[in-house]
C-alpha atoms as a PDB file:
ATOM      1  CA  MET A   1     118.731  95.185 100.335  1.00  0.00           C
ATOM      2  CA  LEU A   2     119.983  92.702  97.744  1.00  0.00           C
ATOM      3  CA  ALA A   3     119.074  89.216  96.600  1.00  0.00           C
ATOM      4  CA  THR A   4     121.189  87.350  94.093  1.00  0.00           C
ATOM      5  CA  ASN A   5     121.314  84.172  92.072  1.00  0.00           C
ATOM      6  CA  SER A   6     123.373  83.089  89.096  1.00  0.00           C
ATOM      7  CA  ASN A   7     121.355  85.175  86.655  1.00  0.00           C
ATOM      8  CA  TYR A   8     120.363  88.441  88.315  1.00  0.00           C
ATOM      9  CA  THR A   9     120.740  90.715  91.299  1.00  0.00           C
ATOM     10  CA  ILE A  10     117.602  92.203  92.856  1.00  0.00           C
ATOM     11  CA  ALA A  11     117.663  95.442  94.823  1.00  0.00           C
ATOM     12  CA  TRP A  12     114.796  97.012  96.728  1.00  0.00           C
ATOM     13  CA  GLU A  13     115.410 100.714  96.176  1.00  0.00           C
ATOM     14  CA  LYS A  14     113.213 103.764  96.235  1.00  0.00           C
ATOM     15  CA  LEU A  15     112.320 105.067  92.791  1.00  0.00           C
ATOM     16  CA  PRO A  16     114.283 108.157  91.698  1.00  0.00           C
ATOM     17  CA  ASP A  17     112.258 111.341  91.843  1.00  0.00           C
ATOM     18  CA  ASP A  18     112.589 111.765  88.068  1.00  0.00           C
ATOM     19  CA  PHE A  19     111.406 108.236  87.234  1.00  0.00           C
ATOM     20  CA  VAL A  20     108.379 108.429  84.927  1.00  0.00           C
ATOM     21  CA  LEU A  21     105.589 105.984  85.671  1.00  0.00           C
ATOM     22  CA  LEU A  22     103.493 105.164  82.618  1.00  0.00           C
ATOM     23  CA  ASP A  23      99.803 105.995  82.514  1.00  0.00           C
ATOM     24  CA  ASP A  24      98.584 102.882  80.747  1.00  0.00           C
ATOM     25  CA  PRO A  25      94.942 102.910  79.625  1.00  0.00           C
ATOM     26  CA  VAL A  26      92.472 100.464  81.136  1.00  0.00           C
ATOM     27  CA  ASP A  27      91.908  97.563  78.752  1.00  0.00           C
ATOM     28  CA  ASN A  28      88.289  96.819  79.568  1.00  0.00           C
ATOM     29  CA  ILE A  29      85.395  98.847  81.004  1.00  0.00           C
ATOM     30  CA  ASN A  30      84.665  96.049  83.490  1.00  0.00           C
ATOM     31  CA  GLN A  31      88.126  95.964  85.053  1.00  0.00           C
ATOM     32  CA  PRO A  32      87.751  98.893  87.485  1.00  0.00           C
ATOM     33  CA  ALA A  33      84.431  97.458  88.669  1.00  0.00           C
ATOM     34  CA  LEU A  34      85.980  94.008  89.152  1.00  0.00           C
ATOM     35  CA  ALA A  35      88.754  95.465  91.268  1.00  0.00           C
ATOM     36  CA  ALA A  36      86.438  97.698  93.316  1.00  0.00           C
ATOM     37  CA  ALA A  37      84.144  94.762  94.076  1.00  0.00           C
ATOM     38  CA  LEU A  38      87.025  92.744  95.520  1.00  0.00           C
ATOM     39  CA  THR A  39      88.048  95.531  97.872  1.00  0.00           C
ATOM     40  CA  GLU A  40      84.549  96.564  98.932  1.00  0.00           C
ATOM     41  CA  SER A  41      83.539  93.215 100.374  1.00  0.00           C
ATOM     42  CA  LEU A  42      86.830  92.925 102.260  1.00  0.00           C
ATOM     43  CA  GLN A  43      86.289  96.334 103.844  1.00  0.00           C
ATOM     44  CA  LEU A  44      82.674  95.688 104.811  1.00  0.00           C
ATOM     45  CA  ALA A  45      83.572  92.314 106.333  1.00  0.00           C
ATOM     46  CA  GLY A  46      86.350  93.849 108.442  1.00  0.00           C
ATOM     47  CA  GLN A  47      88.959  91.892 106.503  1.00  0.00           C
ATOM     48  CA  LEU A  48      91.048  94.874 105.418  1.00  0.00           C
ATOM     49  CA  PRO A  49      93.439  96.154 108.132  1.00  0.00           C
ATOM     50  CA  ASP A  50      94.220  99.866 108.268  1.00  0.00           C
ATOM     51  CA  ASN A  51      97.803  99.350 107.125  1.00  0.00           C
ATOM     52  CA  ALA A  52      96.864  97.046 104.234  1.00  0.00           C
ATOM     53  CA  LEU A  53      96.466  98.199 100.642  1.00  0.00           C
ATOM     54  CA  THR A  54      94.400  96.832  97.745  1.00  0.00           C
ATOM     55  CA  PRO A  55      95.542  98.910  94.770  1.00  0.00           C
ATOM     56  CA  THR A  56      94.451  98.787  91.143  1.00  0.00           C
ATOM     57  CA  ASN A  57      96.949  99.359  88.326  1.00  0.00           C
ATOM     58  CA  TYR A  58      99.470 100.439  90.949  1.00  0.00           C
ATOM     59  CA  GLY A  59     103.213 100.200  90.398  1.00  0.00           C
ATOM     60  CA  ILE A  60     105.200  97.511  92.238  1.00  0.00           C
ATOM     61  CA  CYS A  61     108.915  98.139  91.807  1.00  0.00           C
ATOM     62  CA  ALA A  62     112.188  96.224  91.889  1.00  0.00           C
ATOM     63  CA  THR A  63     115.667  96.898  90.553  1.00  0.00           C
ATOM     64  CA  ILE A  64     116.975  93.949  88.542  1.00  0.00           C
ATOM     65  CA  ASN A  65     120.643  93.935  87.531  1.00  0.00           C
ATOM     66  CA  GLY A  66     120.704  97.685  88.024  1.00  0.00           C
ATOM     67  CA  LYS A  67     117.572  98.350  85.946  1.00  0.00           C
ATOM     68  CA  ILE A  68     114.289  99.485  87.459  1.00  0.00           C
ATOM     69  CA  SER A  69     111.301  97.294  86.633  1.00  0.00           C
ATOM     70  CA  VAL A  70     107.717  98.203  87.443  1.00  0.00           C
ATOM     71  CA  LYS A  71     104.602  96.066  87.061  1.00  0.00           C
ATOM     72  CA  ALA A  72     101.095  97.275  87.807  1.00  0.00           C
ATOM     73  CA  PRO A  73      98.724  94.339  88.426  1.00  0.00           C
ATOM     74  CA  ASP A  74      95.012  94.870  87.922  1.00  0.00           C
ATOM     75  CA  TRP A  75      94.473  94.187  91.639  1.00  0.00           C
ATOM     76  CA  ALA A  76      96.718  93.287  94.546  1.00  0.00           C
ATOM     77  CA  TYR A  77      96.479  92.631  98.248  1.00  0.00           C
ATOM     78  CA  ILE A  78      99.426  94.157 100.122  1.00  0.00           C
ATOM     79  CA  PRO A  79      99.142  93.176 103.797  1.00  0.00           C
ATOM     80  CA  GLN A  80     101.160  96.109 105.105  1.00  0.00           C
ATOM     81  CA  ILE A  81     102.530  99.419 103.900  1.00  0.00           C
ATOM     82  CA  SER A  82     105.234 100.468 106.355  1.00  0.00           C
ATOM     83  CA  VAL A  83     105.785 104.105 105.297  1.00  0.00           C
ATOM     84  CA  ASP A  84     103.660 107.223 105.162  1.00  0.00           C
ATOM     85  CA  ARG A  85     100.980 106.879 102.496  1.00  0.00           C
ATOM     86  CA  ASP A  86     102.185 110.126 100.915  1.00  0.00           C
ATOM     87  CA  GLU A  87     105.362 108.272  99.904  1.00  0.00           C
ATOM     88  CA  VAL A  88     103.550 105.556  97.970  1.00  0.00           C
ATOM     89  CA  VAL A  89     100.804 107.350  96.061  1.00  0.00           C
ATOM     90  CA  ARG A  90     101.418 105.694  92.670  1.00  0.00           C
ATOM     91  CA  SER A  91     103.903 102.930  93.453  1.00  0.00           C
ATOM     92  CA  TYR A  92     105.884 101.233  96.190  1.00  0.00           C
ATOM     93  CA  THR A  93     109.000  99.124  96.567  1.00  0.00           C
ATOM     94  CA  PRO A  94     108.428  95.877  98.496  1.00  0.00           C
ATOM     95  CA  ARG A  95     110.675  95.155 101.491  1.00  0.00           C
ATOM     96  CA  LEU A  96     111.634  98.842 101.546  1.00  0.00           C
ATOM     97  CA  GLN A  97     108.212 100.502 101.829  1.00  0.00           C
ATOM     98  CA  GLY A  98     105.948  97.574 102.581  1.00  0.00           C
ATOM     99  CA  GLU A  99     105.505  93.839 102.457  1.00  0.00           C
ATOM    100  CA  ILE A 100     105.462  91.606  99.399  1.00  0.00           C
ATOM    101  CA  PRO A 101     101.891  91.315  98.068  1.00  0.00           C
ATOM    102  CA  THR A 102      99.988  88.293  99.308  1.00  0.00           C
ATOM    103  CA  LEU A 103      98.006  88.068  96.080  1.00  0.00           C
ATOM    104  CA  VAL A 104      98.204  89.713  92.670  1.00  0.00           C
ATOM    105  CA  LEU A 105      95.464  89.403  90.071  1.00  0.00           C
ATOM    106  CA  GLU A 106      95.580  90.071  86.370  1.00  0.00           C
ATOM    107  CA  PHE A 107      92.429  90.315  84.277  1.00  0.00           C
ATOM    108  CA  LEU A 108      92.927  88.942  80.768  1.00  0.00           C
ATOM    109  CA  SER A 109      92.853  91.613  78.083  1.00  0.00           C
ATOM    110  CA  ASP A 110      92.381  91.470  74.329  1.00  0.00           C
ATOM    111  CA  THR A 111      95.444  93.536  73.615  1.00  0.00           C
ATOM    112  CA  GLU A 112      98.392  92.115  75.525  1.00  0.00           C
ATOM    113  CA  GLY A 113      98.278  88.504  76.630  1.00  0.00           C
ATOM    114  CA  GLY A 114     101.378  89.069  78.744  1.00  0.00           C
ATOM    115  CA  GLU A 115      99.878  87.670  81.923  1.00  0.00           C
ATOM    116  CA  TYR A 116     101.632  84.360  81.190  1.00  0.00           C
ATOM    117  CA  SER A 117     104.949  85.839  80.089  1.00  0.00           C
ATOM    118  CA  SER A 118     107.967  84.162  81.707  1.00  0.00           C
ATOM    119  CA  LYS A 119     110.459  86.310  79.823  1.00  0.00           C
ATOM    120  CA  ALA A 120     113.486  86.793  82.065  1.00  0.00           C
ATOM    121  CA  SER A 121     115.312  89.403  79.993  1.00  0.00           C
ATOM    122  CA  TYR A 122     114.641  93.084  80.603  1.00  0.00           C
ATOM    123  CA  PRO A 123     111.889  94.106  80.834  1.00  0.00           C
ATOM    124  CA  PRO A 124     110.738  90.865  82.468  1.00  0.00           C
ATOM    125  CA  GLY A 125     107.359  89.300  81.817  1.00  0.00           C
ATOM    126  CA  LYS A 126     104.626  89.503  84.407  1.00  0.00           C
ATOM    127  CA  PHE A 127     104.640  85.819  85.306  1.00  0.00           C
ATOM    128  CA  PHE A 128     108.425  85.867  85.761  1.00  0.00           C
ATOM    129  CA  PHE A 129     108.339  89.114  87.746  1.00  0.00           C
ATOM    130  CA  TYR A 130     105.704  87.903  90.217  1.00  0.00           C
ATOM    131  CA  GLU A 131     107.200  84.413  90.530  1.00  0.00           C
ATOM    132  CA  GLN A 132     110.963  84.949  90.506  1.00  0.00           C
ATOM    133  CA  ILE A 133     111.509  88.592  91.460  1.00  0.00           C
ATOM    134  CA  LEU A 134     108.734  89.449  93.931  1.00  0.00           C
ATOM    135  CA  GLN A 135     107.960  85.837  94.835  1.00  0.00           C
ATOM    136  CA  VAL A 136     104.311  86.665  95.416  1.00  0.00           C
ATOM    137  CA  PRO A 137     102.776  83.582  97.069  1.00  0.00           C
ATOM    138  CA  ASN A 138      99.536  83.720  95.054  1.00  0.00           C
ATOM    139  CA  TYR A 139      99.045  84.818  91.446  1.00  0.00           C
ATOM    140  CA  GLY A 140      95.612  84.746  89.822  1.00  0.00           C
ATOM    141  CA  ILE A 141      94.712  85.167  86.155  1.00  0.00           C
ATOM    142  CA  PHE A 142      91.028  85.824  85.498  1.00  0.00           C
ATOM    143  CA  ASP A 143      89.160  85.894  82.198  1.00  0.00           C
ATOM    144  CA  PRO A 144      86.045  88.059  82.699  1.00  0.00           C
ATOM    145  CA  GLU A 145      84.563  86.851  79.401  1.00  0.00           C
ATOM    146  CA  SER A 146      84.596  83.119  80.187  1.00  0.00           C
ATOM    147  CA  GLY A 147      84.598  83.358  83.980  1.00  0.00           C
ATOM    148  CA  ILE A 148      87.692  81.150  84.218  1.00  0.00           C
ATOM    149  CA  LEU A 149      90.035  81.807  87.139  1.00  0.00           C
ATOM    150  CA  GLU A 150      93.484  80.245  87.367  1.00  0.00           C
ATOM    151  CA  LEU A 151      95.317  80.421  90.665  1.00  0.00           C
ATOM    152  CA  TYR A 152      99.062  79.806  90.841  1.00  0.00           C
ATOM    153  CA  ARG A 153     100.771  79.269  94.178  1.00  0.00           C
ATOM    154  CA  LEU A 154     104.474  79.457  94.903  1.00  0.00           C
ATOM    155  CA  GLY A 155     105.683  75.987  95.842  1.00  0.00           C
ATOM    156  CA  ASP A 156     108.705  74.746  97.741  1.00  0.00           C
ATOM    157  CA  SER A 157     110.654  74.811  94.480  1.00  0.00           C
ATOM    158  CA  LYS A 158     109.976  78.579  94.255  1.00  0.00           C
ATOM    159  CA  LYS A 159     108.009  77.916  91.086  1.00  0.00           C
ATOM    160  CA  TYR A 160     104.338  78.626  90.520  1.00  0.00           C
ATOM    161  CA  GLN A 161     102.075  75.597  90.565  1.00  0.00           C
ATOM    162  CA  LEU A 162      98.569  75.727  89.136  1.00  0.00           C
ATOM    163  CA  GLN A 163      96.137  75.003  91.968  1.00  0.00           C
ATOM    164  CA  PRO A 164      93.068  72.763  91.764  1.00  0.00           C
ATOM    165  CA  ALA A 165      89.796  74.411  92.717  1.00  0.00           C
ATOM    166  CA  SER A 166      87.602  73.100  95.513  1.00  0.00           C
ATOM    167  CA  GLU A 167      84.335  71.268  94.818  1.00  0.00           C
ATOM    168  CA  GLN A 168      82.673  74.677  94.857  1.00  0.00           C
ATOM    169  CA  GLY A 169      85.169  76.019  92.295  1.00  0.00           C
ATOM    170  CA  ARG A 170      87.038  78.190  94.816  1.00  0.00           C
ATOM    171  CA  PHE A 171      90.669  78.620  95.830  1.00  0.00           C
ATOM    172  CA  TRP A 172      91.892  78.843  99.420  1.00  0.00           C
ATOM    173  CA  ILE A 173      94.232  81.778 100.127  1.00  0.00           C
ATOM    174  CA  PRO A 174      95.789  80.711 103.455  1.00  0.00           C
ATOM    175  CA  GLU A 175      97.477  84.057 104.158  1.00  0.00           C
ATOM    176  CA  MET A 176      94.065  85.762 104.063  1.00  0.00           C
ATOM    177  CA  GLN A 177      92.050  82.851 105.504  1.00  0.00           C
ATOM    178  CA  LEU A 178      89.553  83.312 102.684  1.00  0.00           C
ATOM    179  CA  PHE A 179      88.403  81.529  99.550  1.00  0.00           C
ATOM    180  CA  LEU A 180      88.550  83.310  96.196  1.00  0.00           C
ATOM    181  CA  GLY A 181      86.142  82.214  93.488  1.00  0.00           C
ATOM    182  CA  VAL A 182      83.914  83.209  90.592  1.00  0.00           C
ATOM    183  CA  TRP A 183      80.312  84.376  90.952  1.00  0.00           C
ATOM    184  CA  GLN A 184      77.924  85.174  88.124  1.00  0.00           C
ATOM    185  CA  GLY A 185      75.391  87.941  88.460  1.00  0.00           C
ATOM    186  CA  ASN A 186      74.715  91.662  88.349  1.00  0.00           C
ATOM    187  CA  ARG A 187      76.543  94.541  89.994  1.00  0.00           C
ATOM    188  CA  GLU A 188      76.322  98.237  89.113  1.00  0.00           C
ATOM    189  CA  ASN A 189      74.151  97.335  86.091  1.00  0.00           C
ATOM    190  CA  LEU A 190      76.931  95.105  84.769  1.00  0.00           C
ATOM    191  CA  GLN A 191      75.942  91.491  84.174  1.00  0.00           C
ATOM    192  CA  GLY A 192      78.768  88.970  84.076  1.00  0.00           C
ATOM    193  CA  TYR A 193      81.382  87.069  86.046  1.00  0.00           C
ATOM    194  CA  TRP A 194      82.839  88.532  89.230  1.00  0.00           C
ATOM    195  CA  LEU A 195      85.565  87.504  91.638  1.00  0.00           C
ATOM    196  CA  ARG A 196      84.170  87.056  95.150  1.00  0.00           C
ATOM    197  CA  TRP A 197      85.385  86.114  98.627  1.00  0.00           C
ATOM    198  CA  TRP A 198      84.022  83.373 100.900  1.00  0.00           C
ATOM    199  CA  ASP A 199      85.053  82.728 104.496  1.00  0.00           C
ATOM    200  CA  GLU A 200      86.193  79.369 105.840  1.00  0.00           C
ATOM    201  CA  GLN A 201      82.596  78.375 106.632  1.00  0.00           C
ATOM    202  CA  GLY A 202      81.534  79.065 103.045  1.00  0.00           C
ATOM    203  CA  ASN A 203      79.746  82.356 103.765  1.00  0.00           C
ATOM    204  CA  LEU A 204      79.871  84.868 100.932  1.00  0.00           C
ATOM    205  CA  LEU A 205      81.375  88.260 101.833  1.00  0.00           C
ATOM    206  CA  LEU A 206      78.673  90.668 100.737  1.00  0.00           C
ATOM    207  CA  TRP A 207      78.832  93.959  98.857  1.00  0.00           C
ATOM    208  CA  GLY A 208      77.220  97.075 100.260  1.00  0.00           C
ATOM    209  CA  ALA A 209      74.114  96.844  98.082  1.00  0.00           C
ATOM    210  CA  GLU A 210      73.648  93.223  99.144  1.00  0.00           C
ATOM    211  CA  LEU A 211      73.928  94.141 102.812  1.00  0.00           C
ATOM    212  CA  VAL A 212      71.299  96.874 102.322  1.00  0.00           C
ATOM    213  CA  ALA A 213      68.996  94.416 100.537  1.00  0.00           C
ATOM    214  CA  GLN A 214      69.591  91.856 103.292  1.00  0.00           C
ATOM    215  CA  GLU A 215      68.695  94.403 105.969  1.00  0.00           C
ATOM    216  CA  ARG A 216      65.554  95.437 104.054  1.00  0.00           C
ATOM    217  CA  GLN A 217      64.505  91.802 103.806  1.00  0.00           C
ATOM    218  CA  ARG A 218      65.139  91.305 107.515  1.00  0.00           C
ATOM    219  CA  ALA A 219      63.086  94.402 108.324  1.00  0.00           C
ATOM    220  CA  GLU A 220      60.261  93.257 106.052  1.00  0.00           C
ATOM    221  CA  GLU A 221      60.238  89.801 107.641  1.00  0.00           C
ATOM    222  CA  GLU A 222      60.114  91.408 111.073  1.00  0.00           C
ATOM    223  CA  ARG A 223      57.219  93.630 109.941  1.00  0.00           C
ATOM    224  CA  LEU A 224      55.321  90.604 108.654  1.00  0.00           C
ATOM    225  CA  ARG A 225      55.915  88.709 111.903  1.00  0.00           C
ATOM    226  CA  ALA A 226      54.641  91.702 113.882  1.00  0.00           C
ATOM    227  CA  GLU A 227      51.583  91.954 111.638  1.00  0.00           C
ATOM    228  CA  GLU A 228      50.828  88.246 112.037  1.00  0.00           C
ATOM    229  CA  GLU A 229      51.143  88.582 115.813  1.00  0.00           C
ATOM    230  CA  ARG A 230      48.776  91.569 115.811  1.00  0.00           C
ATOM    231  CA  GLN A 231      46.203  89.684 113.729  1.00  0.00           C
ATOM    232  CA  ARG A 232      46.510  86.677 116.027  1.00  0.00           C
ATOM    233  CA  ALA A 233      45.917  88.923 119.042  1.00  0.00           C
ATOM    234  CA  ASP A 234      42.887  90.525 117.356  1.00  0.00           C
ATOM    235  CA  ARG A 235      41.363  87.120 116.619  1.00  0.00           C
ATOM    236  CA  LEU A 236      41.867  85.989 120.199  1.00  0.00           C
ATOM    237  CA  ALA A 237      40.321  89.211 121.517  1.00  0.00           C
ATOM    238  CA  ALA A 238      37.303  88.719 119.237  1.00  0.00           C
ATOM    239  CA  GLN A 239      36.865  85.141 120.476  1.00  0.00           C
ATOM    240  CA  LEU A 240      37.009  86.288 124.090  1.00  0.00           C
ATOM    241  CA  ARG A 241      34.395  89.014 123.491  1.00  0.00           C
ATOM    242  CA  ALA A 242      32.150  86.512 121.732  1.00  0.00           C
ATOM    243  CA  ALA A 243      32.358  84.429 124.916  1.00  0.00           C
ATOM    244  CA  GLY A 244      31.410  87.438 127.039  1.00  0.00           C
ATOM    245  CA  ILE A 245      34.929  88.038 128.299  1.00  0.00           C
ATOM    246  CA  GLU A 246      36.525  91.408 127.934  1.00  0.00           C
ATOM    247  CA  PRO A 247      40.238  90.922 127.102  1.00  0.00           C
ATOM    248  CA  VAL A 248      42.760  92.700 129.296  1.00  0.00           C
ATOM    249  CA  GLU A 249      44.810  95.299 127.362  1.00  0.00           C
END
């Protein structure tokens, strides 16, 4: 499969068996937790189909003018992988082995700063690769230190346009029918800014620990209601006995 314009030819080809994928180190201790939190709430809310994939630091491949290019975003939502999972353990080629990602996210690092790179020459910059080569509809850049999220959406001109946030500071991802936004708090003993999902009604998609806490609170409220009802029944029984009436059990 080929796509061409005046500057480059794009091919969607399977990686050669001898192609070496780099094992880049993680830039920040918080990044794996940020990525895991995004996936967990989708799974628990039933928003992650069986054939979808939400990889972290996972290779997305394209051949540009005969040269293989691989980018590994910090998190991505791939709506469908169309081959056996054994074929795409560390990377996949869109259009050949699955769909184009709906959303890619990069977490700003102290060491690279290439999340904004529009370099078109080989190897291409991330911004250029996601915008012009993959044409990912949504590209987010998140700074965990400041809590600032920028969301770029592919417009009719096939160029990324920076999106305005809603009044709540969230961004609508129409392909997922969810809002993406920033939440500040604690998870896994890490205090800071997190990326979270909200549904169309504004309901936060909860993490597992939050669902457990919610269920405990619901159970405690039910216990208190039952205790209040028992005390009310005891008071009524005492009043009836004081009036010489034996209450019916």
